[in-house]
Amino acid sequence: LCNEENMKIIPIQVIEEITRTTIEGKEKNYIGTFPDSKKTKINI
């Protein structure tokens, strides 16, 4: 992730892939984690 405010590059590791199937089709979401001490999780 390129943070344009302070021009830092932040690595995010993909830790989960979620596939949801509905009547409208399939949808994939990914969860990533930041390299901080709390291992903060975020929906990519």
ModelCIF file with pLDDT and N, C-alpha, C, O atoms, coordinates in Angstrom:
data_MODEL
#
_entry.id   MODEL 
#
_entity.id                         1 
_entity.type                       polymer 
_entity.pdbx_number_of_molecules   1 
#
_entity_poly.entity_id                      1 
_entity_poly.type                           'polypeptide(L)' 
_entity_poly.nstd_linkage                   no 
_entity_poly.nstd_monomer                   no 
_entity_poly.pdbx_seq_one_letter_code       LCNEENMKIIPIQVIEEITRTTIEGKEKNYIGTFPDSKKTKINI 
_entity_poly.pdbx_seq_one_letter_code_can   LCNEENMKIIPIQVIEEITRTTIEGKEKNYIGTFPDSKKTKINI 
_entity_poly.pdbx_strand_id                 A 
#
loop_
_entity_poly_seq.entity_id 
_entity_poly_seq.num 
_entity_poly_seq.mon_id 
_entity_poly_seq.hetero 
1 1  LEU n 
1 2  CYS n 
1 3  ASN n 
1 4  GLU n 
1 5  GLU n 
1 6  ASN n 
1 7  MET n 
1 8  LYS n 
1 9  ILE n 
1 10 ILE n 
1 11 PRO n 
1 12 ILE n 
1 13 GLN n 
1 14 VAL n 
1 15 ILE n 
1 16 GLU n 
1 17 GLU n 
1 18 ILE n 
1 19 THR n 
1 20 ARG n 
1 21 THR n 
1 22 THR n 
1 23 ILE n 
1 24 GLU n 
1 25 GLY n 
1 26 LYS n 
1 27 GLU n 
1 28 LYS n 
1 29 ASN n 
1 30 TYR n 
1 31 ILE n 
1 32 GLY n 
1 33 THR n 
1 34 PHE n 
1 35 PRO n 
1 36 ASP n 
1 37 SER n 
1 38 LYS n 
1 39 LYS n 
1 40 THR n 
1 41 LYS n 
1 42 ILE n 
1 43 ASN n 
1 44 ILE n 
#
_struct_asym.id          A 
_struct_asym.entity_id   1 
#
loop_
_ma_qa_metric.id 
_ma_qa_metric.mode 
_ma_qa_metric.name 
_ma_qa_metric.software_group_id 
_ma_qa_metric.type 
1 global pLDDT . pLDDT 
2 local  pLDDT . pLDDT 
#
_ma_qa_metric_global.metric_id      1 
_ma_qa_metric_global.metric_value   93.20 
_ma_qa_metric_global.model_id       1 
_ma_qa_metric_global.ordinal_id     1 
#
loop_
_ma_qa_metric_local.label_asym_id 
_ma_qa_metric_local.label_comp_id 
_ma_qa_metric_local.label_seq_id 
_ma_qa_metric_local.metric_id 
_ma_qa_metric_local.metric_value 
_ma_qa_metric_local.model_id 
_ma_qa_metric_local.ordinal_id 
A LEU 1  2 93.00 1 1  
A CYS 2  2 88.00 1 2  
A ASN 3  2 80.00 1 3  
A GLU 4  2 78.00 1 4  
A GLU 5  2 80.00 1 5  
A ASN 6  2 80.00 1 6  
A MET 7  2 81.00 1 7  
A LYS 8  2 88.00 1 8  
A ILE 9  2 91.00 1 9  
A ILE 10 2 92.00 1 10 
A PRO 11 2 95.00 1 11 
A ILE 12 2 96.00 1 12 
A GLN 13 2 97.00 1 13 
A VAL 14 2 98.00 1 14 
A ILE 15 2 98.00 1 15 
A GLU 16 2 98.00 1 16 
A GLU 17 2 97.00 1 17 
A ILE 18 2 97.00 1 18 
A THR 19 2 96.00 1 19 
A ARG 20 2 95.00 1 20 
A THR 21 2 97.00 1 21 
A THR 22 2 95.00 1 22 
A ILE 23 2 95.00 1 23 
A GLU 24 2 93.00 1 24 
A GLY 25 2 95.00 1 25 
A LYS 26 2 94.00 1 26 
A GLU 27 2 94.00 1 27 
A LYS 28 2 95.00 1 28 
A ASN 29 2 96.00 1 29 
A TYR 30 2 98.00 1 30 
A ILE 31 2 98.00 1 31 
A GLY 32 2 97.00 1 32 
A THR 33 2 97.00 1 33 
A PHE 34 2 94.00 1 34 
A PRO 35 2 93.00 1 35 
A ASP 36 2 92.00 1 36 
A SER 37 2 93.00 1 37 
A LYS 38 2 94.00 1 38 
A LYS 39 2 92.00 1 39 
A THR 40 2 95.00 1 40 
A LYS 41 2 97.00 1 41 
A ILE 42 2 96.00 1 42 
A ASN 43 2 97.00 1 43 
A ILE 44 2 96.00 1 44 
#
loop_
_atom_site.group_PDB 
_atom_site.id 
_atom_site.type_symbol 
_atom_site.label_atom_id 
_atom_site.label_alt_id 
_atom_site.label_comp_id 
_atom_site.label_asym_id 
_atom_site.label_entity_id 
_atom_site.label_seq_id 
_atom_site.pdbx_PDB_ins_code 
_atom_site.Cartn_x 
_atom_site.Cartn_y 
_atom_site.Cartn_z 
_atom_site.occupancy 
_atom_site.B_iso_or_equiv 
_atom_site.pdbx_formal_charge 
_atom_site.auth_seq_id 
_atom_site.auth_comp_id 
_atom_site.auth_asym_id 
_atom_site.auth_atom_id 
_atom_site.pdbx_PDB_model_num 
ATOM 1   N N  . LEU A 1 1  ? 0.853   -1.182  0.000  1.00 93.00 ? 1  LEU A N  1 
ATOM 2   C CA . LEU A 1 1  ? 0.000   0.000   0.000  1.00 93.00 ? 1  LEU A CA 1 
ATOM 3   C C  . LEU A 1 1  ? 0.884   1.226   0.000  1.00 93.00 ? 1  LEU A C  1 
ATOM 4   O O  . LEU A 1 1  ? 1.755   1.376   0.856  1.00 93.00 ? 1  LEU A O  1 
ATOM 5   N N  . CYS A 1 2  ? 0.657   2.103   -0.965 1.00 88.00 ? 2  CYS A N  1 
ATOM 6   C CA . CYS A 1 2  ? 1.415   3.348   -1.036 1.00 88.00 ? 2  CYS A CA 1 
ATOM 7   C C  . CYS A 1 2  ? 0.592   4.438   -0.369 1.00 88.00 ? 2  CYS A C  1 
ATOM 8   O O  . CYS A 1 2  ? -0.446  4.846   -0.890 1.00 88.00 ? 2  CYS A O  1 
ATOM 9   N N  . ASN A 1 3  ? 1.054   4.909   0.784  1.00 80.00 ? 3  ASN A N  1 
ATOM 10  C CA . ASN A 1 3  ? 0.394   5.984   1.511  1.00 80.00 ? 3  ASN A CA 1 
ATOM 11  C C  . ASN A 1 3  ? 0.878   7.301   0.914  1.00 80.00 ? 3  ASN A C  1 
ATOM 12  O O  . ASN A 1 3  ? 2.022   7.702   1.127  1.00 80.00 ? 3  ASN A O  1 
ATOM 13  N N  . GLU A 1 4  ? 0.009   7.968   0.172  1.00 78.00 ? 4  GLU A N  1 
ATOM 14  C CA . GLU A 1 4  ? 0.405   9.168   -0.559 1.00 78.00 ? 4  GLU A CA 1 
ATOM 15  C C  . GLU A 1 4  ? 0.626   10.377  0.352  1.00 78.00 ? 4  GLU A C  1 
ATOM 16  O O  . GLU A 1 4  ? 1.323   11.314  -0.035 1.00 78.00 ? 4  GLU A O  1 
ATOM 17  N N  . GLU A 1 5  ? 0.043   10.370  1.560  1.00 80.00 ? 5  GLU A N  1 
ATOM 18  C CA . GLU A 1 5  ? 0.210   11.505  2.466  1.00 80.00 ? 5  GLU A CA 1 
ATOM 19  C C  . GLU A 1 5  ? 1.646   11.641  2.949  1.00 80.00 ? 5  GLU A C  1 
ATOM 20  O O  . GLU A 1 5  ? 2.204   12.738  2.950  1.00 80.00 ? 5  GLU A O  1 
ATOM 21  N N  . ASN A 1 6  ? 2.242   10.530  3.358  1.00 80.00 ? 6  ASN A N  1 
ATOM 22  C CA . ASN A 1 6  ? 3.610   10.594  3.863  1.00 80.00 ? 6  ASN A CA 1 
ATOM 23  C C  . ASN A 1 6  ? 4.587   9.765   3.029  1.00 80.00 ? 6  ASN A C  1 
ATOM 24  O O  . ASN A 1 6  ? 5.735   9.562   3.424  1.00 80.00 ? 6  ASN A O  1 
ATOM 25  N N  . MET A 1 7  ? 4.129   9.297   1.891  1.00 81.00 ? 7  MET A N  1 
ATOM 26  C CA . MET A 1 7  ? 4.941   8.536   0.934  1.00 81.00 ? 7  MET A CA 1 
ATOM 27  C C  . MET A 1 7  ? 5.607   7.303   1.558  1.00 81.00 ? 7  MET A C  1 
ATOM 28  O O  . MET A 1 7  ? 6.757   6.989   1.251  1.00 81.00 ? 7  MET A O  1 
ATOM 29  N N  . LYS A 1 8  ? 4.879   6.615   2.430  1.00 88.00 ? 8  LYS A N  1 
ATOM 30  C CA . LYS A 1 8  ? 5.372   5.371   3.012  1.00 88.00 ? 8  LYS A CA 1 
ATOM 31  C C  . LYS A 1 8  ? 4.769   4.192   2.270  1.00 88.00 ? 8  LYS A C  1 
ATOM 32  O O  . LYS A 1 8  ? 3.653   4.271   1.756  1.00 88.00 ? 8  LYS A O  1 
ATOM 33  N N  . ILE A 1 9  ? 5.507   3.114   2.219  1.00 91.00 ? 9  ILE A N  1 
ATOM 34  C CA . ILE A 1 9  ? 5.032   1.868   1.627  1.00 91.00 ? 9  ILE A CA 1 
ATOM 35  C C  . ILE A 1 9  ? 4.746   0.912   2.774  1.00 91.00 ? 9  ILE A C  1 
ATOM 36  O O  . ILE A 1 9  ? 5.625   0.621   3.585  1.00 91.00 ? 9  ILE A O  1 
ATOM 37  N N  . ILE A 1 10 ? 3.506   0.422   2.835  1.00 92.00 ? 10 ILE A N  1 
ATOM 38  C CA . ILE A 1 10 ? 3.081   -0.450  3.922  1.00 92.00 ? 10 ILE A CA 1 
ATOM 39  C C  . ILE A 1 10 ? 2.759   -1.829  3.348  1.00 92.00 ? 10 ILE A C  1 
ATOM 40  O O  . ILE A 1 10 ? 1.877   -1.954  2.499  1.00 92.00 ? 10 ILE A O  1 
ATOM 41  N N  . PRO A 1 11 ? 3.469   -2.865  3.807  1.00 95.00 ? 11 PRO A N  1 
ATOM 42  C CA . PRO A 1 11 ? 3.143   -4.217  3.334  1.00 95.00 ? 11 PRO A CA 1 
ATOM 43  C C  . PRO A 1 11 ? 1.920   -4.758  4.067  1.00 95.00 ? 11 PRO A C  1 
ATOM 44  O O  . PRO A 1 11 ? 1.775   -4.569  5.275  1.00 95.00 ? 11 PRO A O  1 
ATOM 45  N N  . ILE A 1 12 ? 1.055   -5.421  3.337  1.00 96.00 ? 12 ILE A N  1 
ATOM 46  C CA . ILE A 1 12 ? -0.141  -6.046  3.903  1.00 96.00 ? 12 ILE A CA 1 
ATOM 47  C C  . ILE A 1 12 ? -0.161  -7.495  3.426  1.00 96.00 ? 12 ILE A C  1 
ATOM 48  O O  . ILE A 1 12 ? -0.067  -7.761  2.228  1.00 96.00 ? 12 ILE A O  1 
ATOM 49  N N  . GLN A 1 13 ? -0.284  -8.425  4.362  1.00 97.00 ? 13 GLN A N  1 
ATOM 50  C CA . GLN A 1 13 ? -0.343  -9.837  3.984  1.00 97.00 ? 13 GLN A CA 1 
ATOM 51  C C  . GLN A 1 13 ? -1.787  -10.299 3.913  1.00 97.00 ? 13 GLN A C  1 
ATOM 52  O O  . GLN A 1 13 ? -2.576  -10.052 4.825  1.00 97.00 ? 13 GLN A O  1 
ATOM 53  N N  . VAL A 1 14 ? -2.124  -10.973 2.823  1.00 98.00 ? 14 VAL A N  1 
ATOM 54  C CA . VAL A 1 14 ? -3.456  -11.554 2.664  1.00 98.00 ? 14 VAL A CA 1 
ATOM 55  C C  . VAL A 1 14 ? -3.503  -12.794 3.541  1.00 98.00 ? 14 VAL A C  1 
ATOM 56  O O  . VAL A 1 14 ? -2.719  -13.725 3.361  1.00 98.00 ? 14 VAL A O  1 
ATOM 57  N N  . ILE A 1 15 ? -4.444  -12.800 4.508  1.00 98.00 ? 15 ILE A N  1 
ATOM 58  C CA . ILE A 1 15 ? -4.508  -13.922 5.453  1.00 98.00 ? 15 ILE A CA 1 
ATOM 59  C C  . ILE A 1 15 ? -5.781  -14.748 5.326  1.00 98.00 ? 15 ILE A C  1 
ATOM 60  O O  . ILE A 1 15 ? -5.894  -15.820 5.920  1.00 98.00 ? 15 ILE A O  1 
ATOM 61  N N  . GLU A 1 16 ? -6.743  -14.245 4.547  1.00 98.00 ? 16 GLU A N  1 
ATOM 62  C CA . GLU A 1 16 ? -8.011  -14.975 4.438  1.00 98.00 ? 16 GLU A CA 1 
ATOM 63  C C  . GLU A 1 16 ? -8.713  -14.618 3.132  1.00 98.00 ? 16 GLU A C  1 
ATOM 64  O O  . GLU A 1 16 ? -8.716  -13.462 2.707  1.00 98.00 ? 16 GLU A O  1 
ATOM 65  N N  . GLU A 1 17 ? -9.303  -15.624 2.509  1.00 97.00 ? 17 GLU A N  1 
ATOM 66  C CA . GLU A 1 17 ? -10.140 -15.433 1.325  1.00 97.00 ? 17 GLU A CA 1 
ATOM 67  C C  . GLU A 1 17 ? -11.541 -15.907 1.687  1.00 97.00 ? 17 GLU A C  1 
ATOM 68  O O  . GLU A 1 17 ? -11.722 -17.031 2.154  1.00 97.00 ? 17 GLU A O  1 
ATOM 69  N N  . ILE A 1 18 ? -12.521 -15.052 1.472  1.00 97.00 ? 18 ILE A N  1 
ATOM 70  C CA . ILE A 1 18 ? -13.905 -15.380 1.805  1.00 97.00 ? 18 ILE A CA 1 
ATOM 71  C C  . ILE A 1 18 ? -14.708 -15.386 0.506  1.00 97.00 ? 18 ILE A C  1 
ATOM 72  O O  . ILE A 1 18 ? -14.748 -14.387 -0.212 1.00 97.00 ? 18 ILE A O  1 
ATOM 73  N N  . THR A 1 19 ? -15.346 -16.516 0.213  1.00 96.00 ? 19 THR A N  1 
ATOM 74  C CA . THR A 1 19 ? -16.190 -16.622 -0.973 1.00 96.00 ? 19 THR A CA 1 
ATOM 75  C C  . THR A 1 19 ? -17.631 -16.756 -0.510 1.00 96.00 ? 19 THR A C  1 
ATOM 76  O O  . THR A 1 19 ? -17.976 -17.639 0.276  1.00 96.00 ? 19 THR A O  1 
ATOM 77  N N  . ARG A 1 20 ? -18.461 -15.858 -1.018 1.00 95.00 ? 20 ARG A N  1 
ATOM 78  C CA . ARG A 1 20 ? -19.884 -15.878 -0.666 1.00 95.00 ? 20 ARG A CA 1 
ATOM 79  C C  . ARG A 1 20 ? -20.678 -16.112 -1.947 1.00 95.00 ? 20 ARG A C  1 
ATOM 80  O O  . ARG A 1 20 ? -20.481 -15.428 -2.952 1.00 95.00 ? 20 ARG A O  1 
ATOM 81  N N  . THR A 1 21 ? -21.569 -17.083 -1.892 1.00 97.00 ? 21 THR A N  1 
ATOM 82  C CA . THR A 1 21 ? -22.418 -17.397 -3.032 1.00 97.00 ? 21 THR A CA 1 
ATOM 83  C C  . THR A 1 21 ? -23.844 -16.969 -2.707 1.00 97.00 ? 21 THR A C  1 
ATOM 84  O O  . THR A 1 21 ? -24.426 -17.378 -1.703 1.00 97.00 ? 21 THR A O  1 
ATOM 85  N N  . THR A 1 22 ? -24.389 -16.131 -3.588 1.00 95.00 ? 22 THR A N  1 
ATOM 86  C CA . THR A 1 22 ? -25.760 -15.670 -3.422 1.00 95.00 ? 22 THR A CA 1 
ATOM 87  C C  . THR A 1 22 ? -26.520 -15.932 -4.719 1.00 95.00 ? 22 THR A C  1 
ATOM 88  O O  . THR A 1 22 ? -25.957 -16.450 -5.683 1.00 95.00 ? 22 THR A O  1 
ATOM 89  N N  . ILE A 1 23 ? -27.769 -15.580 -4.735 1.00 95.00 ? 23 ILE A N  1 
ATOM 90  C CA . ILE A 1 23 ? -28.576 -15.738 -5.936 1.00 95.00 ? 23 ILE A CA 1 
ATOM 91  C C  . ILE A 1 23 ? -28.032 -14.873 -7.080 1.00 95.00 ? 23 ILE A C  1 
ATOM 92  O O  . ILE A 1 23 ? -28.257 -15.161 -8.256 1.00 95.00 ? 23 ILE A O  1 
ATOM 93  N N  . GLU A 1 24 ? -27.326 -13.831 -6.716 1.00 93.00 ? 24 GLU A N  1 
ATOM 94  C CA . GLU A 1 24 ? -26.759 -12.919 -7.719 1.00 93.00 ? 24 GLU A CA 1 
ATOM 95  C C  . GLU A 1 24 ? -25.389 -13.357 -8.218 1.00 93.00 ? 24 GLU A C  1 
ATOM 96  O O  . GLU A 1 24 ? -24.856 -12.763 -9.155 1.00 93.00 ? 24 GLU A O  1 
ATOM 97  N N  . GLY A 1 25 ? -24.814 -14.384 -7.609 1.00 95.00 ? 25 GLY A N  1 
ATOM 98  C CA . GLY A 1 25 ? -23.522 -14.877 -8.055 1.00 95.00 ? 25 GLY A CA 1 
ATOM 99  C C  . GLY A 1 25 ? -22.541 -15.035 -6.907 1.00 95.00 ? 25 GLY A C  1 
ATOM 100 O O  . GLY A 1 25 ? -22.915 -14.997 -5.735 1.00 95.00 ? 25 GLY A O  1 
ATOM 101 N N  . LYS A 1 26 ? -21.279 -15.212 -7.270 1.00 94.00 ? 26 LYS A N  1 
ATOM 102 C CA . LYS A 1 26 ? -20.222 -15.402 -6.269 1.00 94.00 ? 26 LYS A CA 1 
ATOM 103 C C  . LYS A 1 26 ? -19.479 -14.094 -6.067 1.00 94.00 ? 26 LYS A C  1 
ATOM 104 O O  . LYS A 1 26 ? -19.291 -13.300 -6.989 1.00 94.00 ? 26 LYS A O  1 
ATOM 105 N N  . GLU A 1 27 ? -19.067 -13.904 -4.826 1.00 94.00 ? 27 GLU A N  1 
ATOM 106 C CA . GLU A 1 27 ? -18.328 -12.694 -4.467 1.00 94.00 ? 27 GLU A CA 1 
ATOM 107 C C  . GLU A 1 27 ? -17.148 -13.102 -3.587 1.00 94.00 ? 27 GLU A C  1 
ATOM 108 O O  . GLU A 1 27 ? -17.310 -13.871 -2.640 1.00 94.00 ? 27 GLU A O  1 
ATOM 109 N N  . LYS A 1 28 ? -15.967 -12.589 -3.903 1.00 95.00 ? 28 LYS A N  1 
ATOM 110 C CA . LYS A 1 28 ? -14.791 -12.883 -3.090 1.00 95.00 ? 28 LYS A CA 1 
ATOM 111 C C  . LYS A 1 28 ? -14.362 -11.634 -2.353 1.00 95.00 ? 28 LYS A C  1 
ATOM 112 O O  . LYS A 1 28 ? -14.314 -10.540 -2.916 1.00 95.00 ? 28 LYS A O  1 
ATOM 113 N N  . ASN A 1 29 ? -14.051 -11.820 -1.073 1.00 96.00 ? 29 ASN A N  1 
ATOM 114 C CA . ASN A 1 29 ? -13.470 -10.764 -0.261 1.00 96.00 ? 29 ASN A CA 1 
ATOM 115 C C  . ASN A 1 29 ? -12.191 -11.297 0.350  1.00 96.00 ? 29 ASN A C  1 
ATOM 116 O O  . ASN A 1 29 ? -12.043 -12.499 0.569  1.00 96.00 ? 29 ASN A O  1 
ATOM 117 N N  . TYR A 1 30 ? -11.278 -10.395 0.620  1.00 98.00 ? 30 TYR A N  1 
ATOM 118 C CA . TYR A 1 30 ? -9.994  -10.777 1.191  1.00 98.00 ? 30 TYR A CA 1 
ATOM 119 C C  . TYR A 1 30 ? -9.741  -9.980  2.458  1.00 98.00 ? 30 TYR A C  1 
ATOM 120 O O  . TYR A 1 30 ? -10.052 -8.791  2.536  1.00 98.00 ? 30 TYR A O  1 
ATOM 121 N N  . ILE A 1 31 ? -9.167  -10.656 3.452  1.00 98.00 ? 31 ILE A N  1 
ATOM 122 C CA . ILE A 1 31 ? -8.783  -10.015 4.696  1.00 98.00 ? 31 ILE A CA 1 
ATOM 123 C C  . ILE A 1 31 ? -7.261  -9.981  4.727  1.00 98.00 ? 31 ILE A C  1 
ATOM 124 O O  . ILE A 1 31 ? -6.592  -10.967 4.420  1.00 98.00 ? 31 ILE A O  1 
ATOM 125 N N  . GLY A 1 32 ? -6.734  -8.827  5.104  1.00 97.00 ? 32 GLY A N  1 
ATOM 126 C CA . GLY A 1 32 ? -5.289  -8.665  5.200  1.00 97.00 ? 32 GLY A CA 1 
ATOM 127 C C  . GLY A 1 32 ? -4.908  -8.214  6.592  1.00 97.00 ? 32 GLY A C  1 
ATOM 128 O O  . GLY A 1 32 ? -5.756  -7.789  7.377  1.00 97.00 ? 32 GLY A O  1 
ATOM 129 N N  . THR A 1 33 ? -3.632  -8.309  6.889  1.00 97.00 ? 33 THR A N  1 
ATOM 130 C CA . THR A 1 33 ? -3.127  -7.878  8.182  1.00 97.00 ? 33 THR A CA 1 
ATOM 131 C C  . THR A 1 33 ? -1.957  -6.915  7.994  1.00 97.00 ? 33 THR A C  1 
ATOM 132 O O  . THR A 1 33 ? -1.102  -7.096  7.127  1.00 97.00 ? 33 THR A O  1 
ATOM 133 N N  . PHE A 1 34 ? -1.953  -5.886  8.840  1.00 94.00 ? 34 PHE A N  1 
ATOM 134 C CA . PHE A 1 34 ? -0.867  -4.902  8.830  1.00 94.00 ? 34 PHE A CA 1 
ATOM 135 C C  . PHE A 1 34 ? 0.291   -5.413  9.681  1.00 94.00 ? 34 PHE A C  1 
ATOM 136 O O  . PHE A 1 34 ? 0.089   -6.261  10.550 1.00 94.00 ? 34 PHE A O  1 
ATOM 137 N N  . PRO A 1 35 ? 1.491   -4.914  9.447  1.00 93.00 ? 35 PRO A N  1 
ATOM 138 C CA . PRO A 1 35 ? 2.651   -5.394  10.204 1.00 93.00 ? 35 PRO A CA 1 
ATOM 139 C C  . PRO A 1 35 ? 2.845   -4.665  11.534 1.00 93.00 ? 35 PRO A C  1 
ATOM 140 O O  . PRO A 1 35 ? 3.981   -4.475  11.967 1.00 93.00 ? 35 PRO A O  1 
ATOM 141 N N  . ASP A 1 36 ? 1.752   -4.252  12.189 1.00 92.00 ? 36 ASP A N  1 
ATOM 142 C CA . ASP A 1 36 ? 1.898   -3.588  13.479 1.00 92.00 ? 36 ASP A CA 1 
ATOM 143 C C  . ASP A 1 36 ? 1.894   -4.626  14.608 1.00 92.00 ? 36 ASP A C  1 
ATOM 144 O O  . ASP A 1 36 ? 1.685   -5.813  14.358 1.00 92.00 ? 36 ASP A O  1 
ATOM 145 N N  . SER A 1 37 ? 2.121   -4.190  15.821 1.00 93.00 ? 37 SER A N  1 
ATOM 146 C CA . SER A 1 37 ? 2.223   -5.124  16.950 1.00 93.00 ? 37 SER A CA 1 
ATOM 147 C C  . SER A 1 37 ? 0.901   -5.830  17.253 1.00 93.00 ? 37 SER A C  1 
ATOM 148 O O  . SER A 1 37 ? 0.905   -6.920  17.825 1.00 93.00 ? 37 SER A O  1 
ATOM 149 N N  . LYS A 1 38 ? -0.228  -5.226  16.877 1.00 94.00 ? 38 LYS A N  1 
ATOM 150 C CA . LYS A 1 38 ? -1.536  -5.833  17.127 1.00 94.00 ? 38 LYS A CA 1 
ATOM 151 C C  . LYS A 1 38 ? -2.006  -6.709  15.970 1.00 94.00 ? 38 LYS A C  1 
ATOM 152 O O  . LYS A 1 38 ? -3.053  -7.350  16.063 1.00 94.00 ? 38 LYS A O  1 
ATOM 153 N N  . LYS A 1 39 ? -1.239  -6.740  14.880 1.00 92.00 ? 39 LYS A N  1 
ATOM 154 C CA . LYS A 1 39 ? -1.616  -7.502  13.678 1.00 92.00 ? 39 LYS A CA 1 
ATOM 155 C C  . LYS A 1 39 ? -3.030  -7.121  13.233 1.00 92.00 ? 39 LYS A C  1 
ATOM 156 O O  . LYS A 1 39 ? -3.887  -7.982  13.036 1.00 92.00 ? 39 LYS A O  1 
ATOM 157 N N  . THR A 1 40 ? -3.251  -5.827  13.081 1.00 95.00 ? 40 THR A N  1 
ATOM 158 C CA . THR A 1 40 ? -4.552  -5.284  12.720 1.00 95.00 ? 40 THR A CA 1 
ATOM 159 C C  . THR A 1 40 ? -5.050  -5.906  11.426 1.00 95.00 ? 40 THR A C  1 
ATOM 160 O O  . THR A 1 40 ? -4.324  -5.965  10.433 1.00 95.00 ? 40 THR A O  1 
ATOM 161 N N  . LYS A 1 41 ? -6.311  -6.374  11.445 1.00 97.00 ? 41 LYS A N  1 
ATOM 162 C CA . LYS A 1 41 ? -6.919  -6.986  10.269 1.00 97.00 ? 41 LYS A CA 1 
ATOM 163 C C  . LYS A 1 41 ? -7.800  -5.963  9.564  1.00 97.00 ? 41 LYS A C  1 
ATOM 164 O O  . LYS A 1 41 ? -8.400  -5.096  10.199 1.00 97.00 ? 41 LYS A O  1 
ATOM 165 N N  . ILE A 1 42 ? -7.869  -6.080  8.226  1.00 96.00 ? 42 ILE A N  1 
ATOM 166 C CA . ILE A 1 42 ? -8.674  -5.155  7.432  1.00 96.00 ? 42 ILE A CA 1 
ATOM 167 C C  . ILE A 1 42 ? -9.218  -5.876  6.208  1.00 96.00 ? 42 ILE A C  1 
ATOM 168 O O  . ILE A 1 42 ? -8.554  -6.740  5.634  1.00 96.00 ? 42 ILE A O  1 
ATOM 169 N N  . ASN A 1 43 ? -10.433 -5.511  5.818  1.00 97.00 ? 43 ASN A N  1 
ATOM 170 C CA . ASN A 1 43 ? -10.990 -6.009  4.563  1.00 97.00 ? 43 ASN A CA 1 
ATOM 171 C C  . ASN A 1 43 ? -10.277 -5.254  3.446  1.00 97.00 ? 43 ASN A C  1 
ATOM 172 O O  . ASN A 1 43 ? -10.332 -4.025  3.399  1.00 97.00 ? 43 ASN A O  1 
ATOM 173 N N  . ILE A 1 44 ? -9.622  -5.961  2.564  1.00 96.00 ? 44 ILE A N  1 
ATOM 174 C CA . ILE A 1 44 ? -8.800  -5.320  1.538  1.00 96.00 ? 44 ILE A CA 1 
ATOM 175 C C  . ILE A 1 44 ? -9.619  -4.421  0.626  1.00 96.00 ? 44 ILE A C  1 
ATOM 176 O O  . ILE A 1 44 ? -9.072  -3.809  -0.291 1.00 96.00 ? 44 ILE A O  1 
#
